[in-house]
Amino acid sequence: MKALPNDIVLRPRFQLELQQPKENALESFEKEKDKSFLINRIDDHVFIKFQKKDIHFWSPQLHLEINEIDSEKAKVYGLFGPNPTLWTFFMFLHFGVGTFFIIFGIWAYSSASLDKPYGLQLGAMIFMVVLWFVLYAFGRAGRRKGKPQMNQLFHFMREVLQLN
């Protein structure tokens, strides 16, 4: 298994192989008594979140999918991510900025083709690029703020699966 890199990507993923059956791994999460995390299991999927009192705007959650390799081995696929509502909103903003950039580009091209002034449209396009960089910086700042909790989730998962 590879360790988490120092420069964690926006939604880091990992895989690891367990030397135990899939059901044992899934049951170990159901039996876990640590009250600092909320653990939900749906079929082969386990979702680990922080308690309400420990959550801030950028708090991550860990989604695990545990698949059977054979009767004695299992494979864990892990995905760290922000709250799904936050992620959806953040992606909505990015797509909105991209859409407006394209709209202003088409408008600028149409105005230029008709020999009309197009400075306003170019200014709006530049503003969209600046806004995208602001969103990018905001996302990187949030990733830095959520990294300690991401490491807590990762170490908790390793303890539950007895990988330490």
N, C-alpha and C. Protein backbone atom coordinates (compact mmCIF):
# COMPACT_ATOMS: atom_id res chain seq x y z
N MET A 1 0.83 -1.18 0.00
CA MET A 1 0.00 0.00 0.00
C MET A 1 0.87 1.24 0.00
N LYS A 2 0.47 2.23 -0.79
CA LYS A 2 1.19 3.49 -0.81
C LYS A 2 0.64 4.39 0.29
N ALA A 3 1.56 5.11 0.93
CA ALA A 3 1.15 6.07 1.96
C ALA A 3 0.54 7.29 1.28
N LEU A 4 -0.20 8.06 2.06
CA LEU A 4 -0.75 9.30 1.52
C LEU A 4 0.38 10.27 1.21
N PRO A 5 0.36 10.89 0.03
CA PRO A 5 1.42 11.84 -0.28
C PRO A 5 1.27 13.11 0.53
N ASN A 6 2.34 13.87 0.63
CA ASN A 6 2.29 15.13 1.37
C ASN A 6 1.40 16.14 0.67
N ASP A 7 1.43 16.15 -0.66
CA ASP A 7 0.60 17.07 -1.42
C ASP A 7 -0.67 16.33 -1.83
N ILE A 8 -1.68 16.38 -0.97
CA ILE A 8 -2.91 15.62 -1.20
C ILE A 8 -3.74 16.30 -2.28
N VAL A 9 -4.18 15.51 -3.26
CA VAL A 9 -5.00 16.02 -4.35
C VAL A 9 -6.40 16.30 -3.84
N LEU A 10 -7.22 16.92 -4.69
CA LEU A 10 -8.54 17.37 -4.25
C LEU A 10 -9.41 16.24 -3.73
N ARG A 11 -9.45 15.12 -4.42
CA ARG A 11 -10.22 13.95 -3.97
C ARG A 11 -9.30 12.73 -4.06
N PRO A 12 -8.38 12.59 -3.12
CA PRO A 12 -7.40 11.49 -3.20
C PRO A 12 -8.05 10.12 -3.08
N ARG A 13 -7.46 9.17 -3.79
CA ARG A 13 -7.93 7.79 -3.80
C ARG A 13 -6.78 6.89 -3.39
N PHE A 14 -7.11 5.73 -2.89
CA PHE A 14 -6.10 4.74 -2.57
C PHE A 14 -6.72 3.36 -2.67
N GLN A 15 -5.85 2.36 -2.78
CA GLN A 15 -6.26 0.96 -2.81
C GLN A 15 -5.33 0.20 -1.89
N LEU A 16 -5.86 -0.80 -1.21
CA LEU A 16 -5.01 -1.68 -0.44
C LEU A 16 -5.63 -3.06 -0.37
N GLU A 17 -4.77 -4.04 -0.23
CA GLU A 17 -5.21 -5.43 -0.18
C GLU A 17 -5.20 -5.89 1.26
N LEU A 18 -6.28 -6.53 1.66
CA LEU A 18 -6.42 -7.04 3.03
C LEU A 18 -6.20 -8.55 3.04
N GLN A 19 -5.58 -9.03 4.09
CA GLN A 19 -5.36 -10.47 4.26
C GLN A 19 -6.47 -11.03 5.16
N GLN A 20 -7.69 -10.63 4.89
CA GLN A 20 -8.85 -11.11 5.64
C GLN A 20 -10.05 -11.11 4.71
N PRO A 21 -11.05 -11.91 4.99
CA PRO A 21 -12.25 -11.93 4.14
C PRO A 21 -12.98 -10.59 4.16
N LYS A 22 -13.70 -10.34 3.09
CA LYS A 22 -14.45 -9.09 2.95
C LYS A 22 -15.42 -8.87 4.11
N GLU A 23 -16.17 -9.90 4.48
CA GLU A 23 -17.17 -9.75 5.53
C GLU A 23 -16.53 -9.41 6.88
N ASN A 24 -15.36 -9.95 7.17
CA ASN A 24 -14.67 -9.60 8.42
C ASN A 24 -14.33 -8.11 8.45
N ALA A 25 -13.85 -7.60 7.33
CA ALA A 25 -13.50 -6.18 7.26
C ALA A 25 -14.75 -5.31 7.43
N LEU A 26 -15.83 -5.67 6.74
CA LEU A 26 -17.07 -4.89 6.84
C LEU A 26 -17.64 -4.94 8.26
N GLU A 27 -17.60 -6.12 8.88
CA GLU A 27 -18.11 -6.25 10.24
C GLU A 27 -17.26 -5.49 11.26
N SER A 28 -15.97 -5.36 10.99
CA SER A 28 -15.12 -4.62 11.93
C SER A 28 -15.54 -3.15 12.01
N PHE A 29 -16.07 -2.60 10.91
CA PHE A 29 -16.57 -1.23 10.96
C PHE A 29 -17.89 -1.16 11.70
N GLU A 30 -18.75 -2.17 11.54
CA GLU A 30 -20.03 -2.16 12.24
C GLU A 30 -19.84 -2.29 13.75
N LYS A 31 -18.83 -3.03 14.18
CA LYS A 31 -18.58 -3.26 15.61
C LYS A 31 -17.80 -2.14 16.27
N GLU A 32 -17.26 -1.22 15.49
CA GLU A 32 -16.40 -0.17 16.03
C GLU A 32 -17.19 0.72 17.00
N LYS A 33 -16.59 0.99 18.15
CA LYS A 33 -17.25 1.76 19.21
C LYS A 33 -16.75 3.19 19.33
N ASP A 34 -15.79 3.61 18.52
CA ASP A 34 -15.25 4.97 18.60
C ASP A 34 -16.35 5.97 18.26
N LYS A 35 -16.68 6.83 19.20
CA LYS A 35 -17.78 7.77 19.03
C LYS A 35 -17.36 9.09 18.38
N SER A 36 -16.08 9.21 17.98
CA SER A 36 -15.67 10.45 17.33
C SER A 36 -15.96 10.43 15.83
N PHE A 37 -16.45 9.29 15.32
CA PHE A 37 -16.77 9.15 13.90
C PHE A 37 -18.15 8.55 13.72
N LEU A 38 -18.82 8.97 12.66
CA LEU A 38 -20.08 8.35 12.25
C LEU A 38 -19.75 7.35 11.15
N ILE A 39 -20.17 6.11 11.33
CA ILE A 39 -19.88 5.06 10.36
C ILE A 39 -21.18 4.51 9.83
N ASN A 40 -21.35 4.58 8.51
CA ASN A 40 -22.54 4.03 7.84
C ASN A 40 -22.08 2.98 6.85
N ARG A 41 -22.76 1.84 6.89
CA ARG A 41 -22.45 0.77 5.93
C ARG A 41 -23.67 0.52 5.07
N ILE A 42 -23.45 0.49 3.76
CA ILE A 42 -24.49 0.14 2.80
C ILE A 42 -23.87 -0.90 1.87
N ASP A 43 -24.30 -2.15 2.01
CA ASP A 43 -23.76 -3.27 1.25
C ASP A 43 -22.24 -3.36 1.44
N ASP A 44 -21.48 -3.19 0.36
CA ASP A 44 -20.02 -3.28 0.42
C ASP A 44 -19.36 -1.92 0.61
N HIS A 45 -20.14 -0.90 0.89
CA HIS A 45 -19.63 0.46 1.02
C HIS A 45 -19.68 0.91 2.48
N VAL A 46 -18.63 1.60 2.90
CA VAL A 46 -18.56 2.14 4.25
C VAL A 46 -18.25 3.63 4.12
N PHE A 47 -19.04 4.45 4.80
CA PHE A 47 -18.85 5.90 4.80
C PHE A 47 -18.45 6.31 6.22
N ILE A 48 -17.32 7.00 6.35
CA ILE A 48 -16.83 7.44 7.66
C ILE A 48 -16.80 8.96 7.65
N LYS A 49 -17.52 9.55 8.61
CA LYS A 49 -17.60 11.01 8.72
C LYS A 49 -17.30 11.40 10.16
N PHE A 50 -17.03 12.67 10.36
CA PHE A 50 -16.83 13.20 11.70
C PHE A 50 -18.18 13.51 12.34
N GLN A 51 -18.20 13.53 13.66
CA GLN A 51 -19.39 13.93 14.39
C GLN A 51 -19.69 15.40 14.11
N LYS A 52 -20.93 15.80 14.27
CA LYS A 52 -21.36 17.18 14.00
C LYS A 52 -20.50 18.21 14.72
N LYS A 53 -20.13 17.92 15.97
CA LYS A 53 -19.37 18.91 16.75
C LYS A 53 -17.96 19.13 16.21
N ASP A 54 -17.43 18.18 15.44
CA ASP A 54 -16.06 18.27 14.92
C ASP A 54 -16.01 18.74 13.46
N ILE A 55 -17.17 18.97 12.86
CA ILE A 55 -17.21 19.32 11.44
C ILE A 55 -17.04 20.82 11.26
N HIS A 56 -16.19 21.18 10.29
CA HIS A 56 -16.11 22.56 9.82
C HIS A 56 -16.43 22.55 8.32
N PHE A 57 -16.41 23.70 7.70
CA PHE A 57 -16.83 23.83 6.31
C PHE A 57 -16.09 22.88 5.38
N TRP A 58 -14.79 22.64 5.63
CA TRP A 58 -13.97 21.83 4.74
C TRP A 58 -13.74 20.42 5.24
N SER A 59 -14.50 19.95 6.21
CA SER A 59 -14.29 18.60 6.75
C SER A 59 -14.48 17.53 5.68
N PRO A 60 -13.52 16.61 5.58
CA PRO A 60 -13.64 15.54 4.59
C PRO A 60 -14.44 14.36 5.14
N GLN A 61 -14.75 13.44 4.26
CA GLN A 61 -15.32 12.16 4.65
C GLN A 61 -14.58 11.09 3.85
N LEU A 62 -14.66 9.86 4.32
CA LEU A 62 -13.96 8.76 3.65
C LEU A 62 -14.99 7.73 3.20
N HIS A 63 -14.94 7.40 1.91
CA HIS A 63 -15.81 6.39 1.34
C HIS A 63 -14.95 5.18 1.00
N LEU A 64 -15.30 4.03 1.56
CA LEU A 64 -14.57 2.79 1.29
C LEU A 64 -15.48 1.82 0.57
N GLU A 65 -14.94 1.16 -0.43
CA GLU A 65 -15.63 0.05 -1.07
C GLU A 65 -14.74 -1.17 -0.88
N ILE A 66 -15.30 -2.21 -0.28
CA ILE A 66 -14.52 -3.41 0.03
C ILE A 66 -15.03 -4.54 -0.85
N ASN A 67 -14.16 -5.03 -1.73
CA ASN A 67 -14.50 -6.09 -2.68
C ASN A 67 -13.74 -7.37 -2.34
N GLU A 68 -14.36 -8.48 -2.66
CA GLU A 68 -13.75 -9.78 -2.40
C GLU A 68 -12.80 -10.16 -3.53
N ILE A 69 -11.58 -10.58 -3.16
CA ILE A 69 -10.64 -11.12 -4.14
C ILE A 69 -10.83 -12.63 -4.19
N ASP A 70 -10.75 -13.26 -3.03
CA ASP A 70 -11.07 -14.68 -2.87
C ASP A 70 -11.58 -14.86 -1.45
N SER A 71 -11.72 -16.08 -0.99
CA SER A 71 -12.33 -16.32 0.32
C SER A 71 -11.47 -15.81 1.48
N GLU A 72 -10.19 -15.56 1.24
CA GLU A 72 -9.29 -15.13 2.31
C GLU A 72 -8.73 -13.72 2.13
N LYS A 73 -9.04 -13.06 1.02
CA LYS A 73 -8.49 -11.74 0.74
C LYS A 73 -9.58 -10.79 0.26
N ALA A 74 -9.35 -9.52 0.51
CA ALA A 74 -10.27 -8.48 0.05
C ALA A 74 -9.46 -7.29 -0.41
N LYS A 75 -10.08 -6.46 -1.22
CA LYS A 75 -9.43 -5.24 -1.70
C LYS A 75 -10.28 -4.04 -1.29
N VAL A 76 -9.62 -3.02 -0.74
CA VAL A 76 -10.29 -1.81 -0.30
C VAL A 76 -9.97 -0.69 -1.28
N TYR A 77 -11.02 -0.04 -1.75
CA TYR A 77 -10.88 1.15 -2.60
C TYR A 77 -11.37 2.32 -1.76
N GLY A 78 -10.50 3.29 -1.51
CA GLY A 78 -10.86 4.43 -0.67
C GLY A 78 -10.87 5.72 -1.45
N LEU A 79 -11.79 6.61 -1.08
CA LEU A 79 -11.92 7.92 -1.71
C LEU A 79 -12.20 8.95 -0.63
N PHE A 80 -11.32 9.93 -0.50
CA PHE A 80 -11.56 11.06 0.40
C PHE A 80 -12.27 12.14 -0.40
N GLY A 81 -13.21 12.80 0.24
CA GLY A 81 -13.89 13.89 -0.45
C GLY A 81 -14.57 14.80 0.54
N PRO A 82 -14.93 15.98 0.08
CA PRO A 82 -15.68 16.89 0.94
C PRO A 82 -17.12 16.43 1.06
N ASN A 83 -17.86 17.12 1.86
CA ASN A 83 -19.30 16.89 1.97
C ASN A 83 -19.89 16.91 0.56
N PRO A 84 -20.73 15.95 0.19
CA PRO A 84 -21.28 15.92 -1.18
C PRO A 84 -22.02 17.20 -1.58
N THR A 85 -22.68 17.85 -0.64
CA THR A 85 -23.37 19.10 -0.96
C THR A 85 -22.36 20.18 -1.32
N LEU A 86 -21.29 20.29 -0.55
CA LEU A 86 -20.25 21.27 -0.83
C LEU A 86 -19.59 20.98 -2.17
N TRP A 87 -19.29 19.70 -2.43
CA TRP A 87 -18.66 19.32 -3.69
C TRP A 87 -19.55 19.68 -4.88
N THR A 88 -20.84 19.41 -4.78
CA THR A 88 -21.77 19.73 -5.86
C THR A 88 -21.83 21.23 -6.09
N PHE A 89 -21.90 22.00 -5.01
CA PHE A 89 -21.95 23.47 -5.14
C PHE A 89 -20.66 23.99 -5.78
N PHE A 90 -19.53 23.47 -5.34
CA PHE A 90 -18.24 23.91 -5.86
C PHE A 90 -18.13 23.61 -7.36
N MET A 91 -18.57 22.43 -7.77
CA MET A 91 -18.54 22.07 -9.19
C MET A 91 -19.54 22.92 -9.98
N PHE A 92 -20.69 23.24 -9.39
CA PHE A 92 -21.67 24.11 -10.03
C PHE A 92 -21.04 25.47 -10.32
N LEU A 93 -20.30 26.01 -9.35
CA LEU A 93 -19.65 27.31 -9.55
C LEU A 93 -18.62 27.23 -10.69
N HIS A 94 -17.81 26.18 -10.71
CA HIS A 94 -16.81 26.04 -11.77
C HIS A 94 -17.47 25.92 -13.15
N PHE A 95 -18.51 25.11 -13.26
CA PHE A 95 -19.20 24.97 -14.54
C PHE A 95 -19.89 26.27 -14.94
N GLY A 96 -20.42 27.00 -13.95
CA GLY A 96 -21.04 28.29 -14.23
C GLY A 96 -20.04 29.29 -14.78
N VAL A 97 -18.87 29.36 -14.17
CA VAL A 97 -17.83 30.28 -14.65
C VAL A 97 -17.42 29.89 -16.07
N GLY A 98 -17.24 28.59 -16.32
CA GLY A 98 -16.87 28.13 -17.67
C GLY A 98 -17.94 28.44 -18.70
N THR A 99 -19.19 28.25 -18.32
CA THR A 99 -20.30 28.52 -19.24
C THR A 99 -20.38 30.00 -19.58
N PHE A 100 -20.25 30.86 -18.57
CA PHE A 100 -20.29 32.30 -18.83
C PHE A 100 -19.09 32.75 -19.67
N PHE A 101 -17.93 32.13 -19.45
CA PHE A 101 -16.76 32.45 -20.26
C PHE A 101 -17.05 32.16 -21.74
N ILE A 102 -17.66 31.01 -22.01
CA ILE A 102 -17.99 30.64 -23.40
C ILE A 102 -19.05 31.58 -23.97
N ILE A 103 -20.05 31.90 -23.18
CA ILE A 103 -21.11 32.81 -23.64
C ILE A 103 -20.52 34.17 -24.00
N PHE A 104 -19.67 34.72 -23.10
CA PHE A 104 -19.07 36.02 -23.40
C PHE A 104 -18.13 35.94 -24.60
N GLY A 105 -17.46 34.78 -24.79
CA GLY A 105 -16.60 34.61 -25.95
C GLY A 105 -17.39 34.61 -27.25
N ILE A 106 -18.54 33.90 -27.26
CA ILE A 106 -19.40 33.89 -28.45
C ILE A 106 -19.94 35.29 -28.72
N TRP A 107 -20.33 35.98 -27.67
CA TRP A 107 -20.87 37.34 -27.81
C TRP A 107 -19.78 38.27 -28.35
N ALA A 108 -18.55 38.13 -27.83
CA ALA A 108 -17.44 38.97 -28.30
C ALA A 108 -17.15 38.67 -29.78
N TYR A 109 -17.13 37.41 -30.16
CA TYR A 109 -16.87 37.05 -31.55
C TYR A 109 -17.96 37.60 -32.47
N SER A 110 -19.22 37.49 -32.04
CA SER A 110 -20.33 38.01 -32.84
C SER A 110 -20.22 39.52 -32.99
N SER A 111 -19.90 40.20 -31.92
CA SER A 111 -19.77 41.66 -31.99
C SER A 111 -18.61 42.06 -32.89
N ALA A 112 -17.47 41.35 -32.77
CA ALA A 112 -16.32 41.65 -33.62
C ALA A 112 -16.64 41.39 -35.09
N SER A 113 -17.38 40.32 -35.38
CA SER A 113 -17.76 40.00 -36.76
C SER A 113 -18.68 41.06 -37.35
N LEU A 114 -19.48 41.70 -36.52
CA LEU A 114 -20.41 42.73 -36.98
C LEU A 114 -19.82 44.13 -36.88
N ASP A 115 -18.50 44.20 -36.60
CA ASP A 115 -17.80 45.48 -36.45
C ASP A 115 -18.42 46.37 -35.38
N LYS A 116 -18.85 45.76 -34.30
CA LYS A 116 -19.38 46.49 -33.15
C LYS A 116 -18.37 46.40 -32.02
N PRO A 117 -18.45 47.29 -31.04
CA PRO A 117 -17.49 47.22 -29.92
C PRO A 117 -17.68 45.94 -29.11
N TYR A 118 -16.57 45.36 -28.67
CA TYR A 118 -16.62 44.11 -27.91
C TYR A 118 -15.73 44.15 -26.67
N GLY A 119 -15.37 45.32 -26.24
CA GLY A 119 -14.53 45.48 -25.04
C GLY A 119 -15.21 44.99 -23.77
N LEU A 120 -16.51 45.24 -23.66
CA LEU A 120 -17.26 44.79 -22.49
C LEU A 120 -17.20 43.26 -22.37
N GLN A 121 -17.39 42.57 -23.50
CA GLN A 121 -17.36 41.11 -23.49
C GLN A 121 -15.97 40.58 -23.14
N LEU A 122 -14.92 41.20 -23.68
CA LEU A 122 -13.56 40.78 -23.35
C LEU A 122 -13.27 41.02 -21.87
N GLY A 123 -13.75 42.14 -21.36
CA GLY A 123 -13.58 42.42 -19.93
C GLY A 123 -14.29 41.38 -19.07
N ALA A 124 -15.49 40.98 -19.49
CA ALA A 124 -16.23 39.94 -18.76
C ALA A 124 -15.50 38.60 -18.82
N MET A 125 -14.88 38.30 -19.97
CA MET A 125 -14.12 37.05 -20.11
C MET A 125 -12.91 37.06 -19.18
N ILE A 126 -12.23 38.19 -19.11
CA ILE A 126 -11.08 38.31 -18.20
C ILE A 126 -11.54 38.17 -16.76
N PHE A 127 -12.68 38.76 -16.43
CA PHE A 127 -13.22 38.63 -15.08
C PHE A 127 -13.53 37.17 -14.76
N MET A 128 -14.05 36.40 -15.73
CA MET A 128 -14.34 34.98 -15.50
C MET A 128 -13.05 34.20 -15.22
N VAL A 129 -11.97 34.53 -15.92
CA VAL A 129 -10.69 33.87 -15.67
C VAL A 129 -10.19 34.19 -14.26
N VAL A 130 -10.30 35.46 -13.87
CA VAL A 130 -9.89 35.87 -12.52
C VAL A 130 -10.75 35.16 -11.48
N LEU A 131 -12.05 35.09 -11.73
CA LEU A 131 -12.96 34.40 -10.81
C LEU A 131 -12.61 32.92 -10.69
N TRP A 132 -12.21 32.28 -11.81
CA TRP A 132 -11.81 30.88 -11.75
C TRP A 132 -10.57 30.72 -10.88
N PHE A 133 -9.59 31.63 -11.01
CA PHE A 133 -8.40 31.56 -10.17
C PHE A 133 -8.74 31.76 -8.69
N VAL A 134 -9.70 32.63 -8.41
CA VAL A 134 -10.15 32.82 -7.02
C VAL A 134 -10.77 31.53 -6.49
N LEU A 135 -11.62 30.89 -7.27
CA LEU A 135 -12.22 29.61 -6.86
C LEU A 135 -11.14 28.56 -6.65
N TYR A 136 -10.15 28.52 -7.51
CA TYR A 136 -9.06 27.57 -7.39
C TYR A 136 -8.29 27.80 -6.08
N ALA A 137 -7.97 29.06 -5.80
CA ALA A 137 -7.25 29.39 -4.56
C ALA A 137 -8.10 29.04 -3.33
N PHE A 138 -9.39 29.28 -3.42
CA PHE A 138 -10.31 28.94 -2.33
C PHE A 138 -10.32 27.44 -2.08
N GLY A 139 -10.35 26.66 -3.16
CA GLY A 139 -10.32 25.20 -3.04
C GLY A 139 -9.02 24.69 -2.44
N ARG A 140 -7.89 25.27 -2.85
CA ARG A 140 -6.59 24.85 -2.30
C ARG A 140 -6.50 25.19 -0.81
N ALA A 141 -7.03 26.35 -0.43
CA ALA A 141 -7.02 26.72 0.99
C ALA A 141 -7.87 25.75 1.80
N GLY A 142 -9.02 25.36 1.26
CA GLY A 142 -9.88 24.40 1.94
C GLY A 142 -9.23 23.03 2.05
N ARG A 143 -8.51 22.64 1.03
CA ARG A 143 -7.82 21.35 1.06
C ARG A 143 -6.77 21.35 2.17
N ARG A 144 -6.04 22.45 2.31
CA ARG A 144 -5.05 22.55 3.40
C ARG A 144 -5.73 22.46 4.76
N LYS A 145 -6.88 23.11 4.88
CA LYS A 145 -7.59 23.10 6.16
C LYS A 145 -8.15 21.72 6.49
N GLY A 146 -8.52 20.93 5.49
CA GLY A 146 -9.10 19.61 5.72
C GLY A 146 -8.07 18.49 5.82
N LYS A 147 -6.81 18.77 5.51
CA LYS A 147 -5.79 17.71 5.48
C LYS A 147 -5.58 17.03 6.83
N PRO A 148 -5.54 17.74 7.97
CA PRO A 148 -5.37 17.03 9.25
C PRO A 148 -6.51 16.05 9.53
N GLN A 149 -7.74 16.42 9.21
CA GLN A 149 -8.86 15.51 9.43
C GLN A 149 -8.81 14.34 8.45
N MET A 150 -8.29 14.57 7.25
CA MET A 150 -8.14 13.49 6.29
C MET A 150 -7.17 12.44 6.84
N ASN A 151 -6.09 12.90 7.44
CA ASN A 151 -5.13 11.98 8.05
C ASN A 151 -5.76 11.23 9.23
N GLN A 152 -6.60 11.91 10.01
CA GLN A 152 -7.30 11.24 11.12
C GLN A 152 -8.19 10.11 10.59
N LEU A 153 -8.93 10.38 9.53
CA LEU A 153 -9.79 9.36 8.94
C LEU A 153 -8.97 8.17 8.44
N PHE A 154 -7.85 8.46 7.80
CA PHE A 154 -7.00 7.41 7.25
C PHE A 154 -6.44 6.52 8.37
N HIS A 155 -5.96 7.15 9.45
CA HIS A 155 -5.41 6.38 10.57
C HIS A 155 -6.50 5.59 11.30
N PHE A 156 -7.69 6.16 11.41
CA PHE A 156 -8.81 5.45 12.02
C PHE A 156 -9.15 4.20 11.21
N MET A 157 -9.21 4.35 9.89
CA MET A 157 -9.50 3.20 9.02
C MET A 157 -8.44 2.11 9.21
N ARG A 158 -7.18 2.50 9.27
CA ARG A 158 -6.09 1.53 9.46
C ARG A 158 -6.22 0.82 10.80
N GLU A 159 -6.63 1.54 11.84
CA GLU A 159 -6.80 0.91 13.16
C GLU A 159 -7.94 -0.09 13.12
N VAL A 160 -9.05 0.27 12.52
CA VAL A 160 -10.21 -0.61 12.47
C VAL A 160 -9.88 -1.88 11.69
N LEU A 161 -9.16 -1.73 10.59
CA LEU A 161 -8.80 -2.88 9.77
C LEU A 161 -7.56 -3.60 10.28
N GLN A 162 -7.01 -3.11 11.39
CA GLN A 162 -5.82 -3.69 12.04
C GLN A 162 -4.66 -3.79 11.07
N LEU A 163 -4.36 -2.64 10.44
CA LEU A 163 -3.24 -2.58 9.50
C LEU A 163 -2.00 -1.94 10.12
N ASN A 164 -2.06 -1.55 11.36
CA ASN A 164 -0.91 -0.88 12.00
C ASN A 164 0.11 -1.87 12.47
